[in-house]
């Protein structure tokens, strides 16, 4: 099977049989049974959500570190200008 997934409508298009398939139908075509297909999609969703949460936490921590650095830098500049 040669297929690609369209992210807009979340359908896979098979170039061999010219069919459009949803996620579960695609996995069933690849010899998964329904329960296994749903379990696999659930696992992939959980992994994706975990990666997104990790990225969000890292971005938040990076922002906090940057703000702390900016505050220290501004305090340093203020102290310098007060002393001159």
C-alpha atoms as a PDB file:
ATOM      1  CA  UNK A   1       0.000   0.000   0.000  1.00  0.00           C
ATOM      2  CA  UNK A   2       1.242   3.446  -0.927  1.00  0.00           C
ATOM      3  CA  UNK A   3      -0.755   6.055   0.951  1.00  0.00           C
ATOM      4  CA  UNK A   4      -0.566   9.608   2.169  1.00  0.00           C
ATOM      5  CA  UNK A   5      -2.683  11.372   4.795  1.00  0.00           C
ATOM      6  CA  UNK A   6      -4.371  14.702   4.156  1.00  0.00           C
ATOM      7  CA  UNK A   7      -4.177  16.672   7.440  1.00  0.00           C
ATOM      8  CA  UNK A   8      -7.165  18.856   6.497  1.00  0.00           C
ATOM      9  CA  UNK A   9      -9.713  16.052   6.344  1.00  0.00           C
ATOM     10  CA  UNK A  10      -7.646  13.375   8.130  1.00  0.00           C
ATOM     11  CA  UNK A  11      -8.194  10.861   5.346  1.00  0.00           C
ATOM     12  CA  UNK A  12      -5.550   8.599   3.881  1.00  0.00           C
ATOM     13  CA  UNK A  13      -5.474   8.238   0.092  1.00  0.00           C
ATOM     14  CA  UNK A  14      -4.177   4.958  -1.287  1.00  0.00           C
ATOM     15  CA  UNK A  15      -2.469   5.431  -4.641  1.00  0.00           C
ATOM     16  CA  UNK A  16      -2.744   1.729  -5.487  1.00  0.00           C
ATOM     17  CA  UNK A  17      -6.487   1.195  -5.049  1.00  0.00           C
ATOM     18  CA  UNK A  18      -7.453   4.907  -5.348  1.00  0.00           C
ATOM     19  CA  UNK A  19      -9.507   4.804  -2.133  1.00  0.00           C
ATOM     20  CA  UNK A  20      -9.810   7.382   0.612  1.00  0.00           C
ATOM     21  CA  UNK A  21      -9.725   5.787   4.041  1.00  0.00           C
ATOM     22  CA  UNK A  22     -10.172   7.099   7.572  1.00  0.00           C
ATOM     23  CA  UNK A  23      -7.606   6.200  10.239  1.00  0.00           C
ATOM     24  CA  UNK A  24      -9.343   3.041  11.435  1.00  0.00           C
ATOM     25  CA  UNK A  25     -10.092   1.773   7.918  1.00  0.00           C
ATOM     26  CA  UNK A  26      -6.453   2.337   6.984  1.00  0.00           C
ATOM     27  CA  UNK A  27      -5.213   0.266   9.932  1.00  0.00           C
ATOM     28  CA  UNK A  28      -7.781  -2.462   9.240  1.00  0.00           C
ATOM     29  CA  UNK A  29      -6.472  -2.562   5.658  1.00  0.00           C
ATOM     30  CA  UNK A  30      -3.027  -3.080   7.176  1.00  0.00           C
ATOM     31  CA  UNK A  31      -4.315  -6.217   8.981  1.00  0.00           C
ATOM     32  CA  UNK A  32      -5.173  -4.716  12.380  1.00  0.00           C
ATOM     33  CA  UNK A  33      -8.472  -5.746  13.928  1.00  0.00           C
ATOM     34  CA  UNK A  34     -10.810  -2.972  15.081  1.00  0.00           C
ATOM     35  CA  UNK A  35      -9.830  -3.104  18.759  1.00  0.00           C
ATOM     36  CA  UNK A  36      -6.106  -3.145  17.957  1.00  0.00           C
ATOM     37  CA  UNK A  37      -6.542  -0.226  15.546  1.00  0.00           C
ATOM     38  CA  UNK A  38      -8.363   1.837  18.167  1.00  0.00           C
ATOM     39  CA  UNK A  39      -5.774   0.941  20.830  1.00  0.00           C
ATOM     40  CA  UNK A  40      -2.919   1.940  18.495  1.00  0.00           C
ATOM     41  CA  UNK A  41      -4.577   5.262  17.635  1.00  0.00           C
ATOM     42  CA  UNK A  42      -5.174   5.901  21.343  1.00  0.00           C
ATOM     43  CA  UNK A  43      -1.503   5.198  22.115  1.00  0.00           C
ATOM     44  CA  UNK A  44      -0.367   7.505  19.321  1.00  0.00           C
ATOM     45  CA  UNK A  45      -2.729  10.240  20.572  1.00  0.00           C
ATOM     46  CA  UNK A  46      -1.429   9.897  24.142  1.00  0.00           C
ATOM     47  CA  UNK A  47       2.183  10.064  22.927  1.00  0.00           C
ATOM     48  CA  UNK A  48       1.400  13.131  20.807  1.00  0.00           C
ATOM     49  CA  UNK A  49      -0.336  14.877  23.704  1.00  0.00           C
ATOM     50  CA  UNK A  50       2.589  14.074  26.019  1.00  0.00           C
ATOM     51  CA  UNK A  51       5.056  15.568  23.511  1.00  0.00           C
ATOM     52  CA  UNK A  52       2.915  18.701  23.163  1.00  0.00           C
ATOM     53  CA  UNK A  53       2.678  19.096  26.942  1.00  0.00           C
ATOM     54  CA  UNK A  54       6.445  18.682  27.267  1.00  0.00           C
ATOM     55  CA  UNK A  55       7.044  21.333  24.594  1.00  0.00           C
ATOM     56  CA  UNK A  56       4.655  23.701  26.369  1.00  0.00           C
ATOM     57  CA  UNK A  57       6.410  23.147  29.727  1.00  0.00           C
ATOM     58  CA  UNK A  58       9.819  23.728  28.123  1.00  0.00           C
ATOM     59  CA  UNK A  59       8.622  26.909  26.441  1.00  0.00           C
ATOM     60  CA  UNK A  60       7.154  28.145  29.719  1.00  0.00           C
ATOM     61  CA  UNK A  61      10.382  27.392  31.617  1.00  0.00           C
ATOM     62  CA  UNK A  62      12.446  29.047  28.906  1.00  0.00           C
ATOM     63  CA  UNK A  63      10.245  32.136  29.115  1.00  0.00           C
ATOM     64  CA  UNK A  64      10.605  32.292  32.898  1.00  0.00           C
ATOM     65  CA  UNK A  65      14.407  31.996  32.659  1.00  0.00           C
ATOM     66  CA  UNK A  66      14.497  34.719  30.023  1.00  0.00           C
ATOM     67  CA  UNK A  67      12.354  37.036  32.171  1.00  0.00           C
ATOM     68  CA  UNK A  68      14.616  36.415  35.211  1.00  0.00           C
ATOM     69  CA  UNK A  69      17.657  37.235  33.082  1.00  0.00           C
ATOM     70  CA  UNK A  70      15.984  40.386  31.732  1.00  0.00           C
ATOM     71  CA  UNK A  71      15.087  41.554  35.259  1.00  0.00           C
ATOM     72  CA  UNK A  72      18.667  41.038  36.471  1.00  0.00           C
ATOM     73  CA  UNK A  73      20.010  42.874  33.419  1.00  0.00           C
ATOM     74  CA  UNK A  74      17.646  45.813  33.937  1.00  0.00           C
ATOM     75  CA  UNK A  75      18.523  45.938  37.652  1.00  0.00           C
ATOM     76  CA  UNK A  76      22.218  45.997  36.718  1.00  0.00           C
ATOM     77  CA  UNK A  77      21.665  48.895  34.288  1.00  0.00           C
ATOM     78  CA  UNK A  78      19.650  50.853  36.864  1.00  0.00           C
ATOM     79  CA  UNK A  79      22.338  50.309  39.506  1.00  0.00           C
ATOM     80  CA  UNK A  80      25.044  51.424  37.073  1.00  0.00           C
ATOM     81  CA  UNK A  81      23.187  54.608  36.113  1.00  0.00           C
ATOM     82  CA  UNK A  82      22.435  55.474  39.744  1.00  0.00           C
ATOM     83  CA  UNK A  83      26.124  55.208  40.587  1.00  0.00           C
ATOM     84  CA  UNK A  84      27.257  57.491  37.757  1.00  0.00           C
END
